[in-house]
Amino acid sequence: MADGDVLRIEPGAAERIARAFDTHADNLDAIAARLRNEGFSTGFAGFPSAQELDSGFRNKCRLAIEHLHRQAETTRRHASAVRVAGANYASADTVNASSIASIGDEVAR
């Protein structure tokens, strides 16, 4: 950290980070949708080995789609956690500022 052991969070930073996570999750879902909607063919007609290849590729595609959806869910959970952390930081900052102001008022008397 630039200020030694002091952590400073710019106002709005947590929300900007969370929105970036949301955008990433939306992109992952869009890629999964494209995979789901795209067709493919090995081009080997009806040979048994071609059917096995097609089956294997369809399974890989299904697994990739599932993986992308899990990644999107994880990314959305991160966005939520960053929002909560940002709100907690702002709340603690407000409480601390109020406490400092209160002590300052007492000292001034």
PDB file of N, CA and C in Angstrom:
ATOM      1  N   MET A   1       0.839  -1.180   0.000  1.00  0.00           N
ATOM      2  CA  MET A   1       0.000   0.000   0.000  1.00  0.00           C
ATOM      3  C   MET A   1       0.880   1.239   0.000  1.00  0.00           C
ATOM      4  N   ALA A   2       0.452   2.234  -0.698  1.00  0.00           N
ATOM      5  CA  ALA A   2       1.256   3.440  -0.869  1.00  0.00           C
ATOM      6  C   ALA A   2       1.491   4.188   0.437  1.00  0.00           C
ATOM      7  N   ASP A   3       0.509   4.166   1.333  1.00  0.00           N
ATOM      8  CA  ASP A   3       0.615   4.920   2.582  1.00  0.00           C
ATOM      9  C   ASP A   3       1.056   4.037   3.750  1.00  0.00           C
ATOM     10  N   GLY A   4       1.917   3.110   3.505  1.00  0.00           N
ATOM     11  CA  GLY A   4       2.365   2.226   4.585  1.00  0.00           C
ATOM     12  C   GLY A   4       1.287   1.211   4.906  1.00  0.00           C
ATOM     13  N   ASP A   5       0.783   1.234   6.129  1.00  0.00           N
ATOM     14  CA  ASP A   5      -0.236   0.268   6.556  1.00  0.00           C
ATOM     15  C   ASP A   5      -1.649   0.832   6.486  1.00  0.00           C
ATOM     16  N   VAL A   6      -1.852   1.923   5.789  1.00  0.00           N
ATOM     17  CA  VAL A   6      -3.163   2.556   5.710  1.00  0.00           C
ATOM     18  C   VAL A   6      -3.866   2.120   4.430  1.00  0.00           C
ATOM     19  N   LEU A   7      -5.064   1.578   4.587  1.00  0.00           N
ATOM     20  CA  LEU A   7      -5.867   1.196   3.436  1.00  0.00           C
ATOM     21  C   LEU A   7      -6.839   2.322   3.128  1.00  0.00           C
ATOM     22  N   ARG A   8      -6.793   2.800   1.902  1.00  0.00           N
ATOM     23  CA  ARG A   8      -7.722   3.841   1.482  1.00  0.00           C
ATOM     24  C   ARG A   8      -8.492   3.315   0.281  1.00  0.00           C
ATOM     25  N   ILE A   9      -9.795   3.412   0.379  1.00  0.00           N
ATOM     26  CA  ILE A   9     -10.648   2.980  -0.722  1.00  0.00           C
ATOM     27  C   ILE A   9     -11.373   4.199  -1.263  1.00  0.00           C
ATOM     28  N   GLU A  10     -11.188   4.441  -2.528  1.00  0.00           N
ATOM     29  CA  GLU A  10     -11.828   5.568  -3.191  1.00  0.00           C
ATOM     30  C   GLU A  10     -13.347   5.361  -3.189  1.00  0.00           C
ATOM     31  N   PRO A  11     -14.113   6.401  -2.886  1.00  0.00           N
ATOM     32  CA  PRO A  11     -15.568   6.254  -2.912  1.00  0.00           C
ATOM     33  C   PRO A  11     -16.033   5.730  -4.275  1.00  0.00           C
ATOM     34  N   GLY A  12     -16.907   4.759  -4.249  1.00  0.00           N
ATOM     35  CA  GLY A  12     -17.444   4.185  -5.474  1.00  0.00           C
ATOM     36  C   GLY A  12     -16.596   3.070  -6.077  1.00  0.00           C
ATOM     37  N   ALA A  13     -15.398   2.842  -5.533  1.00  0.00           N
ATOM     38  CA  ALA A  13     -14.507   1.831  -6.116  1.00  0.00           C
ATOM     39  C   ALA A  13     -15.114   0.433  -6.031  1.00  0.00           C
ATOM     40  N   ALA A  14     -15.714   0.100  -4.908  1.00  0.00           N
ATOM     41  CA  ALA A  14     -16.292  -1.242  -4.744  1.00  0.00           C
ATOM     42  C   ALA A  14     -17.394  -1.477  -5.773  1.00  0.00           C
ATOM     43  N   GLU A  15     -18.222  -0.477  -5.996  1.00  0.00           N
ATOM     44  CA  GLU A  15     -19.305  -0.633  -6.979  1.00  0.00           C
ATOM     45  C   GLU A  15     -18.751  -0.765  -8.392  1.00  0.00           C
ATOM     46  N   ARG A  16     -17.716  -0.021  -8.712  1.00  0.00           N
ATOM     47  CA  ARG A  16     -17.113  -0.142 -10.055  1.00  0.00           C
ATOM     48  C   ARG A  16     -16.516  -1.540 -10.250  1.00  0.00           C
ATOM     49  N   ILE A  17     -15.875  -2.058  -9.222  1.00  0.00           N
ATOM     50  CA  ILE A  17     -15.311  -3.408  -9.304  1.00  0.00           C
ATOM     51  C   ILE A  17     -16.438  -4.434  -9.445  1.00  0.00           C
ATOM     52  N   ALA A  18     -17.491  -4.273  -8.655  1.00  0.00           N
ATOM     53  CA  ALA A  18     -18.623  -5.198  -8.721  1.00  0.00           C
ATOM     54  C   ALA A  18     -19.275  -5.164 -10.100  1.00  0.00           C
ATOM     55  N   ARG A  19     -19.412  -3.967 -10.681  1.00  0.00           N
ATOM     56  CA  ARG A  19     -19.990  -3.873 -12.035  1.00  0.00           C
ATOM     57  C   ARG A  19     -19.098  -4.583 -13.052  1.00  0.00           C
ATOM     58  N   ALA A  20     -17.784  -4.491 -12.875  1.00  0.00           N
ATOM     59  CA  ALA A  20     -16.864  -5.199 -13.779  1.00  0.00           C
ATOM     60  C   ALA A  20     -17.069  -6.711 -13.657  1.00  0.00           C
ATOM     61  N   PHE A  21     -17.257  -7.203 -12.429  1.00  0.00           N
ATOM     62  CA  PHE A  21     -17.556  -8.620 -12.238  1.00  0.00           C
ATOM     63  C   PHE A  21     -18.874  -8.981 -12.918  1.00  0.00           C
ATOM     64  N   ASP A  22     -19.896  -8.125 -12.763  1.00  0.00           N
ATOM     65  CA  ASP A  22     -21.190  -8.382 -13.402  1.00  0.00           C
ATOM     66  C   ASP A  22     -21.055  -8.457 -14.920  1.00  0.00           C
ATOM     67  N   THR A  23     -20.293  -7.532 -15.483  1.00  0.00           N
ATOM     68  CA  THR A  23     -20.072  -7.527 -16.932  1.00  0.00           C
ATOM     69  C   THR A  23     -19.377  -8.807 -17.375  1.00  0.00           C
ATOM     70  N   HIS A  24     -18.375  -9.209 -16.610  1.00  0.00           N
ATOM     71  CA  HIS A  24     -17.655 -10.452 -16.935  1.00  0.00           C
ATOM     72  C   HIS A  24     -18.606 -11.643 -16.886  1.00  0.00           C
ATOM     73  N   ALA A  25     -19.458 -11.708 -15.869  1.00  0.00           N
ATOM     74  CA  ALA A  25     -20.417 -12.811 -15.751  1.00  0.00           C
ATOM     75  C   ALA A  25     -21.384 -12.805 -16.936  1.00  0.00           C
ATOM     76  N   ASP A  26     -21.854 -11.631 -17.324  1.00  0.00           N
ATOM     77  CA  ASP A  26     -22.746 -11.537 -18.490  1.00  0.00           C
ATOM     78  C   ASP A  26     -22.044 -12.030 -19.750  1.00  0.00           C
ATOM     79  N   ASN A  27     -20.766 -11.680 -19.895  1.00  0.00           N
ATOM     80  CA  ASN A  27     -19.992 -12.145 -21.054  1.00  0.00           C
ATOM     81  C   ASN A  27     -19.840 -13.666 -21.045  1.00  0.00           C
ATOM     82  N   LEU A  28     -19.592 -14.239 -19.878  1.00  0.00           N
ATOM     83  CA  LEU A  28     -19.486 -15.698 -19.776  1.00  0.00           C
ATOM     84  C   LEU A  28     -20.801 -16.369 -20.174  1.00  0.00           C
ATOM     85  N   ASP A  29     -21.930 -15.806 -19.711  1.00  0.00           N
ATOM     86  CA  ASP A  29     -23.229 -16.354 -20.082  1.00  0.00           C
ATOM     87  C   ASP A  29     -23.476 -16.227 -21.589  1.00  0.00           C
ATOM     88  N   ALA A  30     -23.047 -15.115 -22.178  1.00  0.00           N
ATOM     89  CA  ALA A  30     -23.224 -14.917 -23.618  1.00  0.00           C
ATOM     90  C   ALA A  30     -22.404 -15.943 -24.416  1.00  0.00           C
ATOM     91  N   ILE A  31     -21.196 -16.221 -23.952  1.00  0.00           N
ATOM     92  CA  ILE A  31     -20.360 -17.222 -24.623  1.00  0.00           C
ATOM     93  C   ILE A  31     -21.012 -18.598 -24.505  1.00  0.00           C
ATOM     94  N   ALA A  32     -21.546 -18.904 -23.323  1.00  0.00           N
ATOM     95  CA  ALA A  32     -22.220 -20.194 -23.126  1.00  0.00           C
ATOM     96  C   ALA A  32     -23.422 -20.306 -24.064  1.00  0.00           C
ATOM     97  N   ALA A  33     -24.164 -19.224 -24.222  1.00  0.00           N
ATOM     98  CA  ALA A  33     -25.327 -19.228 -25.122  1.00  0.00           C
ATOM     99  C   ALA A  33     -24.894 -19.460 -26.566  1.00  0.00           C
ATOM    100  N   ARG A  34     -23.797 -18.817 -26.957  1.00  0.00           N
ATOM    101  CA  ARG A  34     -23.295 -19.028 -28.326  1.00  0.00           C
ATOM    102  C   ARG A  34     -22.902 -20.481 -28.540  1.00  0.00           C
ATOM    103  N   LEU A  35     -22.226 -21.064 -27.558  1.00  0.00           N
ATOM    104  CA  LEU A  35     -21.849 -22.477 -27.675  1.00  0.00           C
ATOM    105  C   LEU A  35     -23.087 -23.363 -27.786  1.00  0.00           C
ATOM    106  N   ARG A  36     -24.089 -23.059 -26.971  1.00  0.00           N
ATOM    107  CA  ARG A  36     -25.306 -23.865 -26.961  1.00  0.00           C
ATOM    108  C   ARG A  36     -26.036 -23.764 -28.303  1.00  0.00           C
ATOM    109  N   ASN A  37     -26.001 -22.583 -28.912  1.00  0.00           N
ATOM    110  CA  ASN A  37     -26.760 -22.341 -30.143  1.00  0.00           C
ATOM    111  C   ASN A  37     -25.999 -22.684 -31.424  1.00  0.00           C
ATOM    112  N   GLU A  38     -24.699 -22.834 -31.326  1.00  0.00           N
ATOM    113  CA  GLU A  38     -23.907 -23.140 -32.518  1.00  0.00           C
ATOM    114  C   GLU A  38     -23.995 -24.637 -32.827  1.00  0.00           C
ATOM    115  N   GLY A  39     -24.111 -24.951 -34.102  1.00  0.00           N
ATOM    116  CA  GLY A  39     -24.095 -26.346 -34.518  1.00  0.00           C
ATOM    117  C   GLY A  39     -22.702 -26.699 -35.005  1.00  0.00           C
ATOM    118  N   PHE A  40     -22.424 -27.984 -35.054  1.00  0.00           N
ATOM    119  CA  PHE A  40     -21.141 -28.415 -35.580  1.00  0.00           C
ATOM    120  C   PHE A  40     -21.295 -29.797 -36.193  1.00  0.00           C
ATOM    121  N   SER A  41     -20.391 -30.133 -37.019  1.00  0.00           N
ATOM    122  CA  SER A  41     -20.380 -31.447 -37.651  1.00  0.00           C
ATOM    123  C   SER A  41     -18.934 -31.830 -37.915  1.00  0.00           C
ATOM    124  N   THR A  42     -18.646 -33.102 -37.702  1.00  0.00           N
ATOM    125  CA  THR A  42     -17.290 -33.560 -37.979  1.00  0.00           C
ATOM    126  C   THR A  42     -17.075 -33.717 -39.480  1.00  0.00           C
ATOM    127  N   GLY A  43     -18.166 -33.864 -40.245  1.00  0.00           N
ATOM    128  CA  GLY A  43     -18.051 -34.003 -41.687  1.00  0.00           C
ATOM    129  C   GLY A  43     -17.687 -35.411 -42.136  1.00  0.00           C
ATOM    130  N   PHE A  44     -17.827 -36.400 -41.251  1.00  0.00           N
ATOM    131  CA  PHE A  44     -17.473 -37.774 -41.592  1.00  0.00           C
ATOM    132  C   PHE A  44     -18.698 -38.640 -41.859  1.00  0.00           C
ATOM    133  N   ALA A  45     -19.800 -38.001 -42.216  1.00  0.00           N
ATOM    134  CA  ALA A  45     -21.029 -38.712 -42.567  1.00  0.00           C
ATOM    135  C   ALA A  45     -21.483 -39.615 -41.429  1.00  0.00           C
ATOM    136  N   GLY A  46     -21.951 -40.818 -41.759  1.00  0.00           N
ATOM    137  CA  GLY A  46     -22.550 -41.683 -40.754  1.00  0.00           C
ATOM    138  C   GLY A  46     -21.668 -42.792 -40.255  1.00  0.00           C
ATOM    139  N   PHE A  47     -20.377 -42.686 -40.449  1.00  0.00           N
ATOM    140  CA  PHE A  47     -19.496 -43.743 -39.965  1.00  0.00           C
ATOM    141  C   PHE A  47     -19.586 -43.853 -38.443  1.00  0.00           C
ATOM    142  N   PRO A  48     -19.486 -45.059 -37.902  1.00  0.00           N
ATOM    143  CA  PRO A  48     -19.554 -45.223 -36.443  1.00  0.00           C
ATOM    144  C   PRO A  48     -18.519 -44.372 -35.703  1.00  0.00           C
ATOM    145  N   SER A  49     -17.316 -44.302 -36.240  1.00  0.00           N
ATOM    146  CA  SER A  49     -16.295 -43.498 -35.562  1.00  0.00           C
ATOM    147  C   SER A  49     -16.677 -42.016 -35.579  1.00  0.00           C
ATOM    148  N   ALA A  50     -17.323 -41.569 -36.647  1.00  0.00           N
ATOM    149  CA  ALA A  50     -17.764 -40.177 -36.722  1.00  0.00           C
ATOM    150  C   ALA A  50     -18.861 -39.911 -35.704  1.00  0.00           C
ATOM    151  N   GLN A  51     -19.743 -40.870 -35.525  1.00  0.00           N
ATOM    152  CA  GLN A  51     -20.803 -40.721 -34.520  1.00  0.00           C
ATOM    153  C   GLN A  51     -20.201 -40.644 -33.120  1.00  0.00           C
ATOM    154  N   GLU A  52     -19.168 -41.444 -32.895  1.00  0.00           N
ATOM    155  CA  GLU A  52     -18.479 -41.390 -31.597  1.00  0.00           C
ATOM    156  C   GLU A  52     -17.810 -40.030 -31.400  1.00  0.00           C
ATOM    157  N   LEU A  53     -17.176 -39.530 -32.457  1.00  0.00           N
ATOM    158  CA  LEU A  53     -16.553 -38.199 -32.380  1.00  0.00           C
ATOM    159  C   LEU A  53     -17.608 -37.131 -32.101  1.00  0.00           C
ATOM    160  N   ASP A  54     -18.716 -37.194 -32.852  1.00  0.00           N
ATOM    161  CA  ASP A  54     -19.793 -36.217 -32.640  1.00  0.00           C
ATOM    162  C   ASP A  54     -20.284 -36.261 -31.196  1.00  0.00           C
ATOM    163  N   SER A  55     -20.483 -37.456 -30.688  1.00  0.00           N
ATOM    164  CA  SER A  55     -20.946 -37.619 -29.311  1.00  0.00           C
ATOM    165  C   SER A  55     -19.930 -37.023 -28.331  1.00  0.00           C
ATOM    166  N   GLY A  56     -18.660 -37.310 -28.565  1.00  0.00           N
ATOM    167  CA  GLY A  56     -17.613 -36.769 -27.694  1.00  0.00           C
ATOM    168  C   GLY A  56     -17.553 -35.252 -27.737  1.00  0.00           C
ATOM    169  N   PHE A  57     -17.674 -34.678 -28.946  1.00  0.00           N
ATOM    170  CA  PHE A  57     -17.647 -33.216 -29.067  1.00  0.00           C
ATOM    171  C   PHE A  57     -18.878 -32.574 -28.435  1.00  0.00           C
ATOM    172  N   ARG A  58     -20.045 -33.220 -28.609  1.00  0.00           N
ATOM    173  CA  ARG A  58     -21.258 -32.679 -27.972  1.00  0.00           C
ATOM    174  C   ARG A  58     -21.104 -32.693 -26.454  1.00  0.00           C
ATOM    175  N   ASN A  59     -20.523 -33.759 -25.919  1.00  0.00           N
ATOM    176  CA  ASN A  59     -20.304 -33.837 -24.476  1.00  0.00           C
ATOM    177  C   ASN A  59     -19.330 -32.753 -24.014  1.00  0.00           C
ATOM    178  N   LYS A  60     -18.248 -32.552 -24.760  1.00  0.00           N
ATOM    179  CA  LYS A  60     -17.289 -31.491 -24.409  1.00  0.00           C
ATOM    180  C   LYS A  60     -17.969 -30.123 -24.446  1.00  0.00           C
ATOM    181  N   CYS A  61     -18.811 -29.912 -25.417  1.00  0.00           N
ATOM    182  CA  CYS A  61     -19.541 -28.643 -25.517  1.00  0.00           C
ATOM    183  C   CYS A  61     -20.458 -28.473 -24.302  1.00  0.00           C
ATOM    184  N   ARG A  62     -21.196 -29.538 -23.948  1.00  0.00           N
ATOM    185  CA  ARG A  62     -22.082 -29.483 -22.778  1.00  0.00           C
ATOM    186  C   ARG A  62     -21.287 -29.165 -21.514  1.00  0.00           C
ATOM    187  N   LEU A  63     -20.144 -29.825 -21.343  1.00  0.00           N
ATOM    188  CA  LEU A  63     -19.303 -29.576 -20.168  1.00  0.00           C
ATOM    189  C   LEU A  63     -18.764 -28.140 -20.151  1.00  0.00           C
ATOM    190  N   ALA A  64     -18.391 -27.645 -21.325  1.00  0.00           N
ATOM    191  CA  ALA A  64     -17.893 -26.263 -21.410  1.00  0.00           C
ATOM    192  C   ALA A  64     -18.991 -25.275 -21.030  1.00  0.00           C
ATOM    193  N   ILE A  65     -20.208 -25.513 -21.491  1.00  0.00           N
ATOM    194  CA  ILE A  65     -21.336 -24.631 -21.163  1.00  0.00           C
ATOM    195  C   ILE A  65     -21.590 -24.649 -19.659  1.00  0.00           C
ATOM    196  N   GLU A  66     -21.604 -25.845 -19.067  1.00  0.00           N
ATOM    197  CA  GLU A  66     -21.794 -25.954 -17.613  1.00  0.00           C
ATOM    198  C   GLU A  66     -20.697 -25.203 -16.866  1.00  0.00           C
ATOM    199  N   HIS A  67     -19.463 -25.368 -17.314  1.00  0.00           N
ATOM    200  CA  HIS A  67     -18.332 -24.695 -16.669  1.00  0.00           C
ATOM    201  C   HIS A  67     -18.477 -23.170 -16.769  1.00  0.00           C
ATOM    202  N   LEU A  68     -18.852 -22.682 -17.933  1.00  0.00           N
ATOM    203  CA  LEU A  68     -19.031 -21.233 -18.106  1.00  0.00           C
ATOM    204  C   LEU A  68     -20.126 -20.707 -17.188  1.00  0.00           C
ATOM    205  N   HIS A  69     -21.214 -21.453 -17.056  1.00  0.00           N
ATOM    206  CA  HIS A  69     -22.292 -21.016 -16.148  1.00  0.00           C
ATOM    207  C   HIS A  69     -21.823 -21.014 -14.695  1.00  0.00           C
ATOM    208  N   ARG A  70     -21.042 -22.018 -14.298  1.00  0.00           N
ATOM    209  CA  ARG A  70     -20.511 -22.029 -12.923  1.00  0.00           C
ATOM    210  C   ARG A  70     -19.582 -20.839 -12.696  1.00  0.00           C
ATOM    211  N   GLN A  71     -18.760 -20.540 -13.694  1.00  0.00           N
ATOM    212  CA  GLN A  71     -17.866 -19.388 -13.576  1.00  0.00           C
ATOM    213  C   GLN A  71     -18.656 -18.092 -13.467  1.00  0.00           C
ATOM    214  N   ALA A  72     -19.729 -17.971 -14.238  1.00  0.00           N
ATOM    215  CA  ALA A  72     -20.578 -16.772 -14.167  1.00  0.00           C
ATOM    216  C   ALA A  72     -21.212 -16.647 -12.782  1.00  0.00           C
ATOM    217  N   GLU A  73     -21.691 -17.759 -12.230  1.00  0.00           N
ATOM    218  CA  GLU A  73     -22.274 -17.732 -10.885  1.00  0.00           C
ATOM    219  C   GLU A  73     -21.240 -17.314  -9.850  1.00  0.00           C
ATOM    220  N   THR A  74     -20.051 -17.875  -9.942  1.00  0.00           N
ATOM    221  CA  THR A  74     -18.969 -17.524  -9.018  1.00  0.00           C
ATOM    222  C   THR A  74     -18.622 -16.045  -9.139  1.00  0.00           C
ATOM    223  N   THR A  75     -18.561 -15.556 -10.360  1.00  0.00           N
ATOM    224  CA  THR A  75     -18.232 -14.148 -10.596  1.00  0.00           C
ATOM    225  C   THR A  75     -19.304 -13.242 -10.003  1.00  0.00           C
ATOM    226  N   ARG A  76     -20.565 -13.639 -10.130  1.00  0.00           N
ATOM    227  CA  ARG A  76     -21.650 -12.838  -9.534  1.00  0.00           C
ATOM    228  C   ARG A  76     -21.578 -12.853  -8.003  1.00  0.00           C
ATOM    229  N   ARG A  77     -21.184 -13.987  -7.430  1.00  0.00           N
ATOM    230  CA  ARG A  77     -21.002 -14.032  -5.965  1.00  0.00           C
ATOM    231  C   ARG A  77     -19.874 -13.097  -5.544  1.00  0.00           C
ATOM    232  N   HIS A  78     -18.805 -13.041  -6.342  1.00  0.00           N
ATOM    233  CA  HIS A  78     -17.713 -12.105  -6.039  1.00  0.00           C
ATOM    234  C   HIS A  78     -18.220 -10.663  -6.107  1.00  0.00           C
ATOM    235  N   ALA A  79     -19.025 -10.354  -7.109  1.00  0.00           N
ATOM    236  CA  ALA A  79     -19.584  -9.002  -7.231  1.00  0.00           C
ATOM    237  C   ALA A  79     -20.381  -8.651  -5.983  1.00  0.00           C
ATOM    238  N   SER A  80     -21.194  -9.590  -5.539  1.00  0.00           N
ATOM    239  CA  SER A  80     -21.996  -9.363  -4.336  1.00  0.00           C
ATOM    240  C   SER A  80     -21.112  -9.158  -3.110  1.00  0.00           C
ATOM    241  N   ALA A  81     -20.074  -9.971  -2.981  1.00  0.00           N
ATOM    242  CA  ALA A  81     -19.166  -9.847  -1.832  1.00  0.00           C
ATOM    243  C   ALA A  81     -18.435  -8.506  -1.847  1.00  0.00           C
ATOM    244  N   VAL A  82     -18.040  -8.045  -3.019  1.00  0.00           N
ATOM    245  CA  VAL A  82     -17.361  -6.751  -3.121  1.00  0.00           C
ATOM    246  C   VAL A  82     -18.324  -5.629  -2.733  1.00  0.00           C
ATOM    247  N   ARG A  83     -19.578  -5.739  -3.157  1.00  0.00           N
ATOM    248  CA  ARG A  83     -20.575  -4.718  -2.777  1.00  0.00           C
ATOM    249  C   ARG A  83     -20.770  -4.683  -1.257  1.00  0.00           C
ATOM    250  N   VAL A  84     -20.864  -5.869  -0.651  1.00  0.00           N
ATOM    251  CA  VAL A  84     -21.031  -5.932   0.809  1.00  0.00           C
ATOM    252  C   VAL A  84     -19.807  -5.346   1.503  1.00  0.00           C
ATOM    253  N   ALA A  85     -18.626  -5.707   1.032  1.00  0.00           N
ATOM    254  CA  ALA A  85     -17.399  -5.174   1.635  1.00  0.00           C
ATOM    255  C   ALA A  85     -17.345  -3.655   1.487  1.00  0.00           C
ATOM    256  N   GLY A  86     -17.728  -3.145   0.330  1.00  0.00           N
ATOM    257  CA  GLY A  86     -17.742  -1.700   0.116  1.00  0.00           C
ATOM    258  C   GLY A  86     -18.720  -1.000   1.052  1.00  0.00           C
ATOM    259  N   ALA A  87     -19.896  -1.594   1.215  1.00  0.00           N
ATOM    260  CA  ALA A  87     -20.897  -1.012   2.123  1.00  0.00           C
ATOM    261  C   ALA A  87     -20.403  -1.060   3.564  1.00  0.00           C
ATOM    262  N   ASN A  88     -19.783  -2.178   3.951  1.00  0.00           N
ATOM    263  CA  ASN A  88     -19.237  -2.288   5.315  1.00  0.00           C
ATOM    264  C   ASN A  88     -18.123  -1.275   5.553  1.00  0.00           C
ATOM    265  N   TYR A  89     -17.278  -1.092   4.553  1.00  0.00           N
ATOM    266  CA  TYR A  89     -16.192  -0.112   4.664  1.00  0.00           C
ATOM    267  C   TYR A  89     -16.768   1.289   4.821  1.00  0.00           C
ATOM    268  N   ALA A  90     -17.749   1.620   3.987  1.00  0.00           N
ATOM    269  CA  ALA A  90     -18.360   2.955   4.061  1.00  0.00           C
ATOM    270  C   ALA A  90     -19.037   3.161   5.408  1.00  0.00           C
ATOM    271  N   SER A  91     -19.712   2.133   5.900  1.00  0.00           N
ATOM    272  CA  SER A  91     -20.380   2.231   7.199  1.00  0.00           C
ATOM    273  C   SER A  91     -19.366   2.441   8.322  1.00  0.00           C
ATOM    274  N   ALA A  92     -18.296   1.653   8.315  1.00  0.00           N
ATOM    275  CA  ALA A  92     -17.261   1.796   9.342  1.00  0.00           C
ATOM    276  C   ALA A  92     -16.611   3.174   9.254  1.00  0.00           C
ATOM    277  N   ASP A  93     -16.405   3.645   8.041  1.00  0.00           N
ATOM    278  CA  ASP A  93     -15.810   4.964   7.854  1.00  0.00           C
ATOM    279  C   ASP A  93     -16.711   6.053   8.429  1.00  0.00           C
ATOM    280  N   THR A  94     -18.012   5.924   8.198  1.00  0.00           N
ATOM    281  CA  THR A  94     -18.975   6.893   8.721  1.00  0.00           C
ATOM    282  C   THR A  94     -18.996   6.866  10.249  1.00  0.00           C
ATOM    283  N   VAL A  95     -19.021   5.668  10.826  1.00  0.00           N
ATOM    284  CA  VAL A  95     -19.025   5.530  12.289  1.00  0.00           C
ATOM    285  C   VAL A  95     -17.737   6.110  12.872  1.00  0.00           C
ATOM    286  N   ASN A  96     -16.616   5.798  12.255  1.00  0.00           N
ATOM    287  CA  ASN A  96     -15.341   6.319  12.750  1.00  0.00           C
ATOM    288  C   ASN A  96     -15.276   7.835  12.646  1.00  0.00           C
ATOM    289  N   ALA A  97     -15.751   8.382  11.536  1.00  0.00           N
ATOM    290  CA  ALA A  97     -15.751   9.845  11.376  1.00  0.00           C
ATOM    291  C   ALA A  97     -16.630  10.492  12.436  1.00  0.00           C
ATOM    292  N   SER A  98     -17.766   9.887  12.715  1.00  0.00           N
ATOM    293  CA  SER A  98     -18.670  10.417  13.743  1.00  0.00           C
ATOM    294  C   SER A  98     -18.021  10.356  15.125  1.00  0.00           C
ATOM    295  N   SER A  99     -17.345   9.249  15.419  1.00  0.00           N
ATOM    296  CA  SER A  99     -16.664   9.099  16.711  1.00  0.00           C
ATOM    297  C   SER A  99     -15.553  10.130  16.865  1.00  0.00           C
ATOM    298  N   ILE A 100     -14.786  10.331  15.804  1.00  0.00           N
ATOM    299  CA  ILE A 100     -13.698  11.315  15.849  1.00  0.00           C
ATOM    300  C   ILE A 100     -14.261  12.718  16.051  1.00  0.00           C
ATOM    301  N   ALA A 101     -15.341  13.016  15.347  1.00  0.00           N
ATOM    302  CA  ALA A 101     -15.964  14.339  15.493  1.00  0.00           C
ATOM    303  C   ALA A 101     -16.491  14.525  16.910  1.00  0.00           C
ATOM    304  N   SER A 102     -17.097  13.492  17.475  1.00  0.00           N
ATOM    305  CA  SER A 102     -17.632  13.564  18.835  1.00  0.00           C
ATOM    306  C   SER A 102     -16.515  13.800  19.853  1.00  0.00           C
ATOM    307  N   ILE A 103     -15.412  13.088  19.688  1.00  0.00           N
ATOM    308  CA  ILE A 103     -14.272  13.264  20.590  1.00  0.00           C
ATOM    309  C   ILE A 103     -13.694  14.664  20.423  1.00  0.00           C
ATOM    310  N   GLY A 104     -13.641  15.123  19.183  1.00  0.00           N
ATOM    311  CA  GLY A 104     -13.139  16.469  18.924  1.00  0.00           C
ATOM    312  C   GLY A 104     -13.996  17.536  19.611  1.00  0.00           C
ATOM    313  N   ASP A 105     -15.312  17.321  19.584  1.00  0.00           N
ATOM    314  CA  ASP A 105     -16.231  18.258  20.255  1.00  0.00           C
ATOM    315  C   ASP A 105     -15.979  18.260  21.775  1.00  0.00           C
ATOM    316  N   GLU A 106     -15.749  17.063  22.338  1.00  0.00           N
ATOM    317  CA  GLU A 106     -15.500  16.979  23.780  1.00  0.00           C
ATOM    318  C   GLU A 106     -14.184  17.673  24.152  1.00  0.00           C
ATOM    319  N   VAL A 107     -13.175  17.479  23.339  1.00  0.00           N
ATOM    320  CA  VAL A 107     -11.863  18.097  23.595  1.00  0.00           C
ATOM    321  C   VAL A 107     -11.975  19.613  23.506  1.00  0.00           C
ATOM    322  N   ALA A 108     -12.774  20.087  22.558  1.00  0.00           N
ATOM    323  CA  ALA A 108     -12.922  21.523  22.370  1.00  0.00           C
ATOM    324  C   ALA A 108     -13.609  22.193  23.568  1.00  0.00           C
ATOM    325  N   ARG A 109     -14.420  21.452  24.286  1.00  0.00           N
ATOM    326  CA  ARG A 109     -15.122  22.029  25.447  1.00  0.00           C
ATOM    327  C   ARG A 109     -14.165  22.180  26.550  1.00  0.00           C
TER     328      ARG A 109
END
